Amino acid sequence: MLNKLLTPMICLVLLATAISPLPVYASHNGFEQFMVQFRDEVVVLDGSVVIDRYIEQLDTYVLIAPRGYIAKYKKLANIELVEEDGVFQATVMPDDPDFSLQWGMSKIQADLAWDITTGANSTIIAILDTGIDSDHPDLLGKVIYEESLTTNPSYDDIHGHGTHCAGIAAAQTNNGIGVAGVGFNTSLANFKVLRDTGSGYWSWIVDGIVTATDYGVDVISMSLGGGDYSKVVEHAVDYAWDHGVIVIAAAGNTDRTAPFYPAAYDNVLSVAASDTNDILAGFSTYGDWVDVAAPGVHIWSTYPWWKEGYDGYRYWQGTSMACPHVAGLVGLLVDVTTDQNGNGFVNDEIRAIIQSTTDKMPPQRKYIINGRINAYRAVQAAKYPENPPVWVDCFWIEQKGRRNLMLYLSITGDPVLPQIAAQFEIEVTKDGELISTINDSTHPRHHNFRDKVPIIGSGVYVATITTLSLPGYEWDKEHGVPLSTEIIVEVK
């Protein structure tokens, strides 16, 4: 028996004969939330303004409206007070002074993910690259193993590429200096597979993959590749996967759809690069074989401390920078993900969680399979598999002539078990009496829904959508994201 979530979230009160669509959006969809105190009557400027809630004790309304509406309300004569609805939060926001330069961290909501888990130092992210400057102050103590698989016995990073990637994945975090790493407490292993010039033989890559796997790493991050297919490299990837290792690789900087290896192998999670606006970078490879996107434009991270002119940090861009964002996220997920299918590993669960909890990207010329990673949604889904989240992205109603009300819904389904559709129920009442019940389910990825409700005379119509749990699951209201959302319409 499915269990309903009955947490009331949003109430829209509309007093009009002709009703305009009033969407309920998340804050990242171009809307802002603010608090207003009116001197006398309440002013709703137009149909795009949503009354989120009324705080009676303070005579304060919380409004949601498109960006720019705070300024509009401040100009009204009937206003006592208008201010942005800011946030107080107990959080693990690090004290690293350069964290503000790392736009990618806030974009993927890493700071919110750290409220759920900061990872474990027993989790190991292998960086297969040009080496790592393990003496860097922001990487001291993070690199627990080093080995060169090239012809150069030194595993030091002369090039700088590997150090930059390592900092993104798991720099020392909350240590009062430099930058933060997505993986926070996770450890690093340095497997040098590229020359100091930045290139390396396939055999070095293969050796690095199997050696890292046998060492016992949890994640392999490879910001490297080329356009030619190698069966041996693919076998090495399969070896890692079969031993429970998650393999992450950069999708390439070709601005084409042609497969780029090792990213294009089936058992690799491939990563495109996106910018601050969630647009795929102009240089990024894309296509129907690329799994996810991550920040990869103008990325600030660690750089060999001894290189002149950089002071240990620099900006760089490429799918090389996107890849370790995902590797760091995997590092967090290892700490909170459970083996759901009993195969003894969590790499399959982690891959499914990452792919199914991405944020939708704006329409654009380039395309990939999923969206841009969201660390918070991913660790939440992993931490609480007993209540897989369901998001009501948008729910609104409008009157169509004198005969019907039209209900519109956009809902994101279950990210933990994406092959199973999440279910929802819409109840419509008139003057408190139930007149219609609609039961439906989401598409496993994304679902848009609309339906008609007949108008049976004047009165107050209330449409309530409630997301429902999956069979066999109990909802935890404290941690659950699912919504019960109401829209109230008066038809005269």
Protein backbone atom coordinates (compact mmCIF):
# COMPACT_ATOMS: atom_id res chain seq x y z
CA MET A 1 0.00 0.00 0.00
CA LEU A 2 1.44 3.36 -1.00
CA ASN A 3 1.91 5.90 1.77
CA LYS A 4 0.97 9.49 1.07
CA LEU A 5 3.13 12.46 2.00
CA LEU A 6 0.91 15.06 3.56
CA THR A 7 3.35 17.93 4.15
CA PRO A 8 1.60 21.16 3.03
CA MET A 9 4.02 23.38 1.15
CA ILE A 10 2.40 26.05 -1.02
CA CYS A 11 -1.02 27.72 -1.08
CA LEU A 12 -2.06 30.00 -3.92
CA VAL A 13 -5.15 32.15 -3.39
CA LEU A 14 -6.61 33.59 -6.57
CA LEU A 15 -9.78 35.69 -6.63
CA ALA A 16 -10.69 36.08 -10.29
CA THR A 17 -13.02 34.74 -12.93
CA ALA A 18 -10.30 34.21 -15.51
CA ILE A 19 -7.33 32.44 -13.96
CA SER A 20 -3.80 32.79 -15.35
CA PRO A 21 -1.34 29.90 -14.95
CA LEU A 22 0.60 30.27 -11.72
CA PRO A 23 3.70 28.05 -11.75
CA VAL A 24 5.45 26.90 -8.61
CA TYR A 25 9.15 26.75 -9.44
CA ALA A 26 12.31 26.03 -7.56
CA SER A 27 14.49 29.09 -6.89
CA HIS A 28 17.06 28.11 -9.52
CA ASN A 29 14.45 28.42 -12.31
CA GLY A 30 14.62 32.20 -12.48
CA PHE A 31 12.38 33.04 -9.53
CA GLU A 32 13.12 34.87 -6.28
CA GLN A 33 11.53 34.55 -2.85
CA PHE A 34 10.98 37.57 -0.61
CA MET A 35 9.02 38.77 2.42
CA VAL A 36 6.53 41.64 2.34
CA GLN A 37 4.57 43.61 4.94
CA PHE A 38 1.69 45.63 3.48
CA ARG A 39 0.31 48.81 5.10
CA ASP A 40 -3.27 47.80 4.31
CA GLU A 41 -4.58 45.62 1.46
CA VAL A 42 -2.47 42.87 -0.09
CA VAL A 43 -1.14 43.60 -3.57
CA VAL A 44 -0.50 40.79 -6.07
CA LEU A 45 1.02 42.57 -9.05
CA ASP A 46 0.13 39.96 -11.66
CA GLY A 47 -0.45 36.27 -12.26
CA SER A 48 3.23 35.37 -12.00
CA VAL A 49 3.35 36.27 -8.29
CA VAL A 50 2.77 33.38 -5.90
CA ILE A 51 1.81 33.76 -2.23
CA ASP A 52 3.92 31.04 -0.69
CA ARG A 53 2.69 31.53 2.85
CA TYR A 54 1.30 34.06 5.33
CA ILE A 55 2.93 34.50 8.74
CA GLU A 56 -0.01 35.79 10.73
CA GLN A 57 1.90 36.70 13.90
CA LEU A 58 4.05 39.19 11.97
CA ASP A 59 1.49 40.09 9.32
CA THR A 60 4.08 39.06 6.73
CA TYR A 61 3.57 37.51 3.33
CA VAL A 62 6.18 35.35 1.64
CA LEU A 63 6.03 35.80 -2.13
CA ILE A 64 7.64 33.95 -5.01
CA ALA A 65 7.96 35.85 -8.27
CA PRO A 66 10.24 36.14 -11.32
CA ARG A 67 13.58 37.77 -10.67
CA GLY A 68 13.28 41.54 -10.54
CA TYR A 69 10.01 41.67 -8.64
CA ILE A 70 11.63 42.64 -5.34
CA ALA A 71 12.56 45.95 -6.93
CA LYS A 72 8.99 46.38 -8.22
CA TYR A 73 7.47 45.82 -4.79
CA LYS A 74 9.87 48.26 -3.16
CA LYS A 75 8.41 51.02 -5.35
CA LEU A 76 4.81 50.44 -4.20
CA ALA A 77 3.29 53.03 -1.84
CA ASN A 78 1.40 50.37 0.09
CA ILE A 79 4.57 48.65 1.29
CA GLU A 80 5.82 48.69 4.86
CA LEU A 81 8.74 46.33 4.28
CA VAL A 82 10.27 44.24 1.50
CA GLU A 83 13.34 42.07 1.87
CA GLU A 84 14.87 39.04 0.27
CA ASP A 85 14.01 35.77 1.98
CA GLY A 86 17.55 34.86 2.96
CA VAL A 87 18.83 31.69 4.58
CA PHE A 88 20.05 30.77 8.07
CA GLN A 89 21.55 27.33 8.01
CA ALA A 90 23.78 25.07 10.07
CA THR A 91 26.20 24.13 7.33
CA VAL A 92 29.65 22.80 6.57
CA MET A 93 30.54 25.81 4.41
CA PRO A 94 34.35 25.59 4.48
CA ASP A 95 36.65 28.35 5.65
CA ASP A 96 38.96 28.00 2.64
CA PRO A 97 39.49 31.62 1.53
CA ASP A 98 39.31 30.84 -2.19
CA PHE A 99 36.03 28.92 -1.93
CA SER A 100 34.20 31.97 -3.29
CA LEU A 101 36.22 31.62 -6.51
CA GLN A 102 35.02 28.06 -7.01
CA TRP A 103 31.68 28.71 -8.71
CA GLY A 104 31.36 25.02 -9.55
CA MET A 105 31.02 24.05 -5.89
CA SER A 106 27.93 26.16 -5.32
CA LYS A 107 26.52 25.24 -8.73
CA ILE A 108 26.47 21.54 -7.83
CA GLN A 109 25.39 22.39 -4.25
CA ALA A 110 28.42 20.71 -2.73
CA ASP A 111 28.09 22.76 0.46
CA LEU A 112 24.58 21.38 1.04
CA ALA A 113 25.79 17.86 0.26
CA TRP A 114 28.44 18.27 2.99
CA ASP A 115 25.64 18.79 5.51
CA ILE A 116 24.71 15.16 4.85
CA THR A 117 28.20 13.69 4.44
CA THR A 118 31.76 14.93 4.15
CA GLY A 119 32.99 11.57 3.00
CA ALA A 120 35.53 9.32 4.71
CA ASN A 121 39.31 9.25 4.51
CA SER A 122 39.05 5.50 3.93
CA THR A 123 37.49 6.28 0.53
CA ILE A 124 40.17 6.63 -2.12
CA ILE A 125 40.00 8.58 -5.36
CA ALA A 126 42.71 7.56 -7.85
CA ILE A 127 43.92 10.37 -10.10
CA LEU A 128 45.37 8.86 -13.28
CA ASP A 129 47.18 11.81 -14.81
CA THR A 130 50.50 13.69 -14.96
CA GLY A 131 51.10 13.15 -11.25
CA ILE A 132 50.19 15.15 -8.14
CA ASP A 133 52.19 17.75 -6.23
CA SER A 134 51.65 16.00 -2.90
CA ASP A 135 53.73 18.67 -1.11
CA HIS A 136 51.22 21.35 -2.04
CA PRO A 137 49.89 22.94 1.20
CA ASP A 138 46.30 22.27 0.11
CA LEU A 139 47.07 18.62 -0.66
CA LEU A 140 49.34 17.77 2.27
CA GLY A 141 48.27 14.52 3.87
CA LYS A 142 45.65 13.80 1.21
CA VAL A 143 47.77 11.62 -1.10
CA ILE A 144 48.14 8.25 0.60
CA TYR A 145 49.77 6.34 -2.27
CA GLU A 146 51.94 7.32 -5.25
CA GLU A 147 53.25 5.32 -8.19
CA SER A 148 54.43 6.08 -11.70
CA LEU A 149 53.33 3.77 -14.48
CA THR A 150 55.31 5.73 -17.08
CA THR A 151 58.97 5.24 -18.01
CA ASN A 152 59.82 8.04 -15.59
CA PRO A 153 60.18 6.61 -12.08
CA SER A 154 59.22 9.98 -10.55
CA TYR A 155 55.56 10.46 -9.75
CA ASP A 156 55.93 14.21 -9.29
CA ASP A 157 53.75 16.51 -11.35
CA ILE A 158 55.91 18.64 -13.61
CA HIS A 159 53.07 19.47 -15.99
CA GLY A 160 50.47 20.64 -13.44
CA HIS A 161 47.38 19.04 -14.96
CA GLY A 162 47.11 16.24 -12.42
CA THR A 163 47.53 18.57 -9.45
CA HIS A 164 44.74 20.79 -10.74
CA CYS A 165 42.40 17.80 -11.09
CA ALA A 166 43.36 16.44 -7.67
CA GLY A 167 42.45 19.72 -5.98
CA ILE A 168 38.99 19.75 -7.55
CA ALA A 169 38.32 16.19 -6.47
CA ALA A 170 39.63 16.27 -2.91
CA ALA A 171 41.80 19.19 -1.81
CA GLN A 172 42.20 19.68 1.93
CA THR A 173 38.89 21.27 2.87
CA ASN A 174 38.01 23.46 5.82
CA ASN A 175 41.72 23.92 6.53
CA GLY A 176 41.79 27.72 6.34
CA ILE A 177 43.80 27.97 3.14
CA GLY A 178 43.23 27.84 -0.60
CA VAL A 179 40.41 25.84 -2.12
CA ALA A 180 37.91 23.13 -1.22
CA GLY A 181 37.59 19.71 -2.84
CA VAL A 182 34.23 18.15 -3.66
CA GLY A 183 35.25 14.94 -1.89
CA PHE A 184 36.06 16.84 1.35
CA ASN A 185 37.51 14.12 3.63
CA THR A 186 38.21 11.54 0.93
CA SER A 187 41.79 10.47 0.23
CA LEU A 188 43.77 10.60 -3.01
CA ALA A 189 46.04 8.10 -4.76
CA ASN A 190 48.51 9.35 -7.37
CA PHE A 191 48.96 7.04 -10.36
CA LYS A 192 51.11 8.84 -12.91
CA VAL A 193 50.19 7.56 -16.39
CA LEU A 194 51.09 10.57 -18.53
CA ARG A 195 54.44 12.09 -19.41
CA ASP A 196 55.45 15.50 -18.14
CA THR A 197 54.35 16.78 -21.55
CA GLY A 198 50.81 15.50 -20.95
CA SER A 199 50.63 12.37 -23.10
CA GLY A 200 50.96 8.66 -22.38
CA TYR A 201 50.72 5.26 -23.99
CA TRP A 202 47.56 3.18 -23.73
CA SER A 203 49.56 0.54 -21.88
CA TRP A 204 50.41 3.05 -19.17
CA ILE A 205 46.72 3.85 -18.80
CA VAL A 206 45.85 0.15 -18.65
CA ASP A 207 48.54 -0.44 -16.05
CA GLY A 208 47.29 2.49 -14.04
CA ILE A 209 43.69 1.26 -14.08
CA VAL A 210 44.44 -2.30 -12.98
CA THR A 211 47.09 -1.24 -10.45
CA ALA A 212 44.72 1.28 -8.88
CA THR A 213 41.98 -1.33 -8.79
CA ASP A 214 44.19 -3.91 -7.10
CA TYR A 215 45.37 -1.29 -4.62
CA GLY A 216 41.76 -0.95 -3.53
CA VAL A 217 40.66 2.47 -4.73
CA ASP A 218 36.96 3.30 -4.90
CA VAL A 219 37.06 5.79 -7.78
CA ILE A 220 39.29 6.22 -10.83
CA SER A 221 39.34 9.69 -12.37
CA MET A 222 40.83 10.04 -15.85
CA SER A 223 40.99 13.49 -17.43
CA LEU A 224 42.61 12.11 -20.56
CA GLY A 225 41.74 10.32 -23.77
CA GLY A 226 41.65 10.26 -27.55
CA GLY A 227 39.51 9.40 -30.54
CA ASP A 228 40.78 5.88 -31.13
CA TYR A 229 39.23 2.78 -29.61
CA SER A 230 41.32 0.25 -27.68
CA LYS A 231 39.89 -3.08 -26.65
CA VAL A 232 42.66 -3.54 -24.07
CA VAL A 233 41.86 -0.27 -22.39
CA GLU A 234 38.20 -1.25 -22.38
CA HIS A 235 39.08 -4.55 -20.77
CA ALA A 236 40.98 -2.68 -18.07
CA VAL A 237 37.93 -0.51 -17.49
CA ASP A 238 35.73 -3.61 -17.28
CA TYR A 239 38.19 -5.12 -14.80
CA ALA A 240 37.86 -2.10 -12.56
CA TRP A 241 34.07 -2.08 -12.84
CA ASP A 242 33.83 -5.80 -12.09
CA HIS A 243 35.80 -5.16 -8.91
CA GLY A 244 33.41 -2.47 -7.75
CA VAL A 245 35.38 0.58 -8.89
CA ILE A 246 33.61 3.58 -10.46
CA VAL A 247 35.54 4.86 -13.47
CA ILE A 248 35.06 8.52 -14.45
CA ALA A 249 36.51 10.05 -17.62
CA ALA A 250 36.46 13.37 -19.43
CA ALA A 251 34.32 13.39 -22.58
CA GLY A 252 36.94 15.39 -24.51
CA ASN A 253 37.36 18.90 -25.87
CA THR A 254 36.54 18.23 -29.52
CA ASP A 255 33.26 20.18 -29.91
CA ARG A 256 31.98 17.12 -31.80
CA THR A 257 29.78 14.10 -31.15
CA ALA A 258 32.32 11.46 -32.15
CA PRO A 259 33.13 9.03 -29.31
CA PHE A 260 36.15 9.90 -27.19
CA TYR A 261 37.90 7.13 -25.27
CA PRO A 262 38.04 5.93 -22.54
CA ALA A 263 34.96 8.06 -21.76
CA ALA A 264 32.85 6.30 -24.40
CA TYR A 265 33.26 2.79 -22.96
CA ASP A 266 30.11 1.32 -21.46
CA ASN A 267 31.52 0.99 -17.96
CA VAL A 268 32.79 4.56 -17.77
CA LEU A 269 30.77 7.53 -16.52
CA SER A 270 31.53 10.17 -19.15
CA VAL A 271 31.57 13.87 -18.26
CA ALA A 272 31.01 16.93 -20.45
CA ALA A 273 31.92 20.47 -19.35
CA SER A 274 29.33 23.13 -18.54
CA ASP A 275 29.57 26.83 -17.70
CA THR A 276 28.04 29.02 -14.99
CA ASN A 277 24.73 29.13 -16.89
CA ASP A 278 24.53 25.35 -17.34
CA ILE A 279 25.36 25.64 -21.03
CA LEU A 280 27.71 23.02 -22.41
CA ALA A 281 31.08 24.63 -23.08
CA GLY A 282 31.90 25.55 -26.66
CA PHE A 283 34.88 23.18 -26.60
CA SER A 284 33.09 20.26 -24.91
CA THR A 285 32.42 17.01 -26.71
CA TYR A 286 28.74 16.07 -26.57
CA GLY A 287 26.31 13.49 -27.91
CA ASP A 288 23.99 10.65 -26.99
CA TRP A 289 26.84 8.70 -25.42
CA VAL A 290 27.87 11.37 -22.88
CA ASP A 291 26.35 10.70 -19.46
CA VAL A 292 26.47 13.91 -17.41
CA ALA A 293 27.90 17.42 -17.31
CA ALA A 294 29.87 19.18 -14.56
CA PRO A 295 31.51 22.60 -14.16
CA GLY A 296 34.47 22.85 -16.52
CA VAL A 297 34.88 26.51 -17.52
CA HIS A 298 37.20 28.90 -15.69
CA ILE A 299 37.86 26.51 -12.79
CA TRP A 300 40.12 27.61 -9.93
CA SER A 301 42.16 24.85 -8.31
CA THR A 302 45.54 23.74 -7.04
CA TYR A 303 48.68 23.96 -9.19
CA PRO A 304 52.25 22.87 -8.41
CA TRP A 305 53.39 25.17 -5.62
CA TRP A 306 56.87 25.68 -7.02
CA LYS A 307 55.79 26.94 -10.47
CA GLU A 308 56.57 30.65 -10.78
CA GLY A 309 53.77 33.14 -11.33
CA TYR A 310 50.94 31.03 -9.94
CA ASP A 311 51.34 30.89 -6.15
CA GLY A 312 50.01 27.37 -6.11
CA TYR A 313 46.66 27.99 -7.82
CA ARG A 314 45.38 28.81 -11.28
CA TYR A 315 42.31 28.88 -13.51
CA TRP A 316 41.98 26.17 -16.12
CA GLN A 317 39.15 24.83 -18.24
CA GLY A 318 38.20 21.71 -20.11
CA THR A 319 36.32 18.48 -19.60
CA SER A 320 39.46 17.59 -17.62
CA MET A 321 38.19 19.93 -14.91
CA ALA A 322 34.61 18.62 -15.11
CA CYS A 323 35.70 15.02 -14.57
CA PRO A 324 37.13 15.40 -11.02
CA HIS A 325 33.97 17.22 -9.88
CA VAL A 326 32.15 13.95 -10.54
CA ALA A 327 34.97 11.88 -9.01
CA GLY A 328 34.71 13.94 -5.82
CA LEU A 329 30.95 13.40 -5.74
CA VAL A 330 31.48 9.67 -6.07
CA GLY A 331 33.84 9.92 -3.11
CA LEU A 332 31.02 11.38 -1.02
CA LEU A 333 28.53 8.80 -2.24
CA VAL A 334 30.70 5.83 -1.31
CA ASP A 335 30.22 6.80 2.33
CA VAL A 336 26.41 6.81 2.23
CA THR A 337 25.33 4.37 -0.51
CA THR A 338 24.09 0.89 0.31
CA ASP A 339 24.17 -2.21 -1.88
CA GLN A 340 20.57 -2.45 -3.07
CA ASN A 341 20.87 -5.46 -5.38
CA GLY A 342 23.09 -7.68 -3.25
CA ASN A 343 26.00 -7.95 -5.70
CA GLY A 344 28.51 -6.88 -3.07
CA PHE A 345 29.33 -3.51 -4.66
CA VAL A 346 27.81 -0.04 -4.79
CA ASN A 347 29.30 1.20 -8.07
CA ASP A 348 26.12 0.39 -9.98
CA GLU A 349 23.93 2.15 -7.41
CA ILE A 350 26.21 5.20 -7.37
CA ARG A 351 26.22 5.53 -11.14
CA ALA A 352 22.42 5.33 -11.25
CA ILE A 353 22.09 7.92 -8.49
CA ILE A 354 24.42 10.41 -10.17
CA GLN A 355 22.73 10.09 -13.55
CA SER A 356 19.20 10.34 -12.20
CA THR A 357 19.68 13.26 -9.79
CA THR A 358 21.16 15.72 -12.28
CA ASP A 359 19.72 19.20 -12.75
CA LYS A 360 17.96 19.83 -16.04
CA MET A 361 19.97 22.08 -18.38
CA PRO A 362 18.50 24.86 -20.53
CA PRO A 363 17.57 24.10 -24.16
CA GLN A 364 20.68 24.36 -26.32
CA ARG A 365 22.29 23.09 -29.49
CA LYS A 366 24.47 20.54 -27.76
CA TYR A 367 23.00 17.55 -25.94
CA ILE A 368 23.94 14.76 -23.55
CA ILE A 369 22.00 11.90 -21.95
CA ASN A 370 21.35 13.51 -18.57
CA GLY A 371 21.95 16.93 -17.01
CA ARG A 372 24.50 18.67 -14.81
CA ILE A 373 25.38 16.86 -11.59
CA ASN A 374 23.81 17.95 -8.30
CA ALA A 375 25.80 16.72 -5.31
CA TYR A 376 23.09 17.56 -2.78
CA ARG A 377 20.34 15.66 -4.57
CA ALA A 378 22.68 12.73 -5.14
CA VAL A 379 23.83 12.27 -1.54
CA GLN A 380 20.31 12.80 -0.27
CA ALA A 381 19.04 10.05 -2.54
CA ALA A 382 21.85 7.75 -1.42
CA LYS A 383 21.57 8.54 2.29
CA TYR A 384 17.81 7.97 2.43
CA PRO A 385 16.99 5.16 0.00
CA GLU A 386 13.97 4.28 2.14
CA ASN A 387 12.34 7.53 0.99
CA PRO A 388 13.52 8.20 -2.56
CA PRO A 389 12.85 11.86 -3.35
CA VAL A 390 10.25 13.04 -5.80
CA TRP A 391 10.19 16.65 -6.98
CA VAL A 392 7.10 18.56 -8.05
CA ASP A 393 8.75 21.01 -10.42
CA CYS A 394 5.63 22.89 -11.42
CA PHE A 395 1.90 22.69 -10.62
CA TRP A 396 -0.69 25.23 -11.66
CA ILE A 397 -4.27 25.69 -12.77
CA GLU A 398 -6.21 27.96 -15.09
CA GLN A 399 -9.84 28.39 -15.99
CA LYS A 400 -10.74 27.51 -19.57
CA GLY A 401 -13.95 29.29 -20.43
CA ARG A 402 -16.94 28.62 -18.18
CA ARG A 403 -16.90 24.84 -18.31
CA ASN A 404 -13.49 23.59 -17.25
CA LEU A 405 -10.48 24.13 -15.06
CA MET A 406 -7.18 22.92 -16.57
CA LEU A 407 -4.57 21.32 -14.30
CA TYR A 408 -0.92 21.35 -15.36
CA LEU A 409 1.87 19.39 -13.70
CA SER A 410 5.57 18.76 -14.16
CA ILE A 411 7.06 16.21 -11.78
CA THR A 412 10.47 14.54 -11.56
CA GLY A 413 10.40 10.87 -10.71
CA ASP A 414 12.36 8.67 -8.36
CA PRO A 415 16.14 9.14 -8.78
CA VAL A 416 17.25 6.15 -6.72
CA LEU A 417 15.32 3.61 -8.76
CA PRO A 418 14.86 5.50 -12.04
CA GLN A 419 13.40 2.48 -13.76
CA ILE A 420 10.36 2.72 -11.47
CA ALA A 421 7.89 5.54 -12.00
CA ALA A 422 6.91 7.61 -8.97
CA GLN A 423 3.20 7.97 -8.37
CA PHE A 424 1.06 10.96 -7.48
CA GLU A 425 -2.54 11.80 -6.72
CA ILE A 426 -4.53 14.97 -7.43
CA GLU A 427 -7.72 15.66 -5.50
CA VAL A 428 -10.09 18.47 -6.45
CA THR A 429 -12.72 19.73 -4.05
CA LYS A 430 -15.49 22.34 -4.41
CA ASP A 431 -16.50 24.11 -1.23
CA GLY A 432 -14.88 21.30 0.76
CA GLU A 433 -16.57 18.44 -1.10
CA LEU A 434 -14.46 16.04 -3.18
CA ILE A 435 -15.48 16.19 -6.84
CA SER A 436 -12.54 14.56 -8.64
CA THR A 437 -9.59 12.25 -7.92
CA ILE A 438 -6.80 11.76 -10.46
CA ASN A 439 -4.17 9.05 -9.99
CA ASP A 440 -1.19 8.85 -12.33
CA SER A 441 2.55 8.14 -12.32
CA THR A 442 5.65 9.84 -13.58
CA HIS A 443 7.78 8.81 -16.48
CA PRO A 444 10.97 7.34 -14.95
CA ARG A 445 12.88 10.45 -16.08
CA HIS A 446 10.48 13.37 -16.33
CA HIS A 447 6.72 13.69 -16.61
CA ASN A 448 4.42 16.45 -17.78
CA PHE A 449 0.71 16.03 -17.15
CA ARG A 450 -2.49 17.94 -17.78
CA ASP A 451 -6.15 17.17 -17.26
CA LYS A 452 -9.58 18.88 -17.25
CA VAL A 453 -11.81 19.29 -14.23
CA PRO A 454 -15.43 20.30 -14.98
CA ILE A 455 -16.74 23.46 -13.33
CA ILE A 456 -20.00 22.67 -11.57
CA GLY A 457 -21.02 26.11 -10.50
CA SER A 458 -19.53 28.98 -8.57
CA GLY A 459 -17.49 28.28 -5.45
CA VAL A 460 -14.01 27.66 -4.11
CA TYR A 461 -12.12 24.90 -5.93
CA VAL A 462 -9.05 23.38 -4.27
CA ALA A 463 -6.65 21.20 -6.25
CA THR A 464 -4.15 19.26 -4.14
CA ILE A 465 -1.31 17.15 -5.54
CA THR A 466 0.35 14.63 -3.27
CA THR A 467 3.43 12.66 -4.33
CA LEU A 468 3.29 9.06 -3.21
CA SER A 469 5.93 6.60 -2.09
CA LEU A 470 6.96 3.52 -4.03
CA PRO A 471 5.67 0.07 -3.06
CA GLY A 472 7.40 -1.17 0.06
CA TYR A 473 8.86 2.19 1.06
CA GLU A 474 8.06 4.28 4.13
CA TRP A 475 8.37 8.04 3.84
CA ASP A 476 10.42 10.00 6.36
CA LYS A 477 8.87 13.47 6.44
CA GLU A 478 11.92 15.04 8.08
CA HIS A 479 14.21 14.11 5.23
CA GLY A 480 11.77 13.57 2.40
CA VAL A 481 11.68 16.02 -0.47
CA PRO A 482 8.25 15.00 -1.82
CA LEU A 483 5.53 17.63 -1.76
CA SER A 484 1.86 18.01 -1.05
CA THR A 485 0.92 21.20 -2.86
CA GLU A 486 -2.38 23.09 -2.95
CA ILE A 487 -3.89 25.59 -5.36
CA ILE A 488 -7.10 27.39 -4.40
CA VAL A 489 -9.31 29.00 -7.05
CA GLU A 490 -12.55 30.89 -6.55
CA VAL A 491 -14.92 30.65 -9.47
CA LYS A 492 -17.70 33.25 -9.44
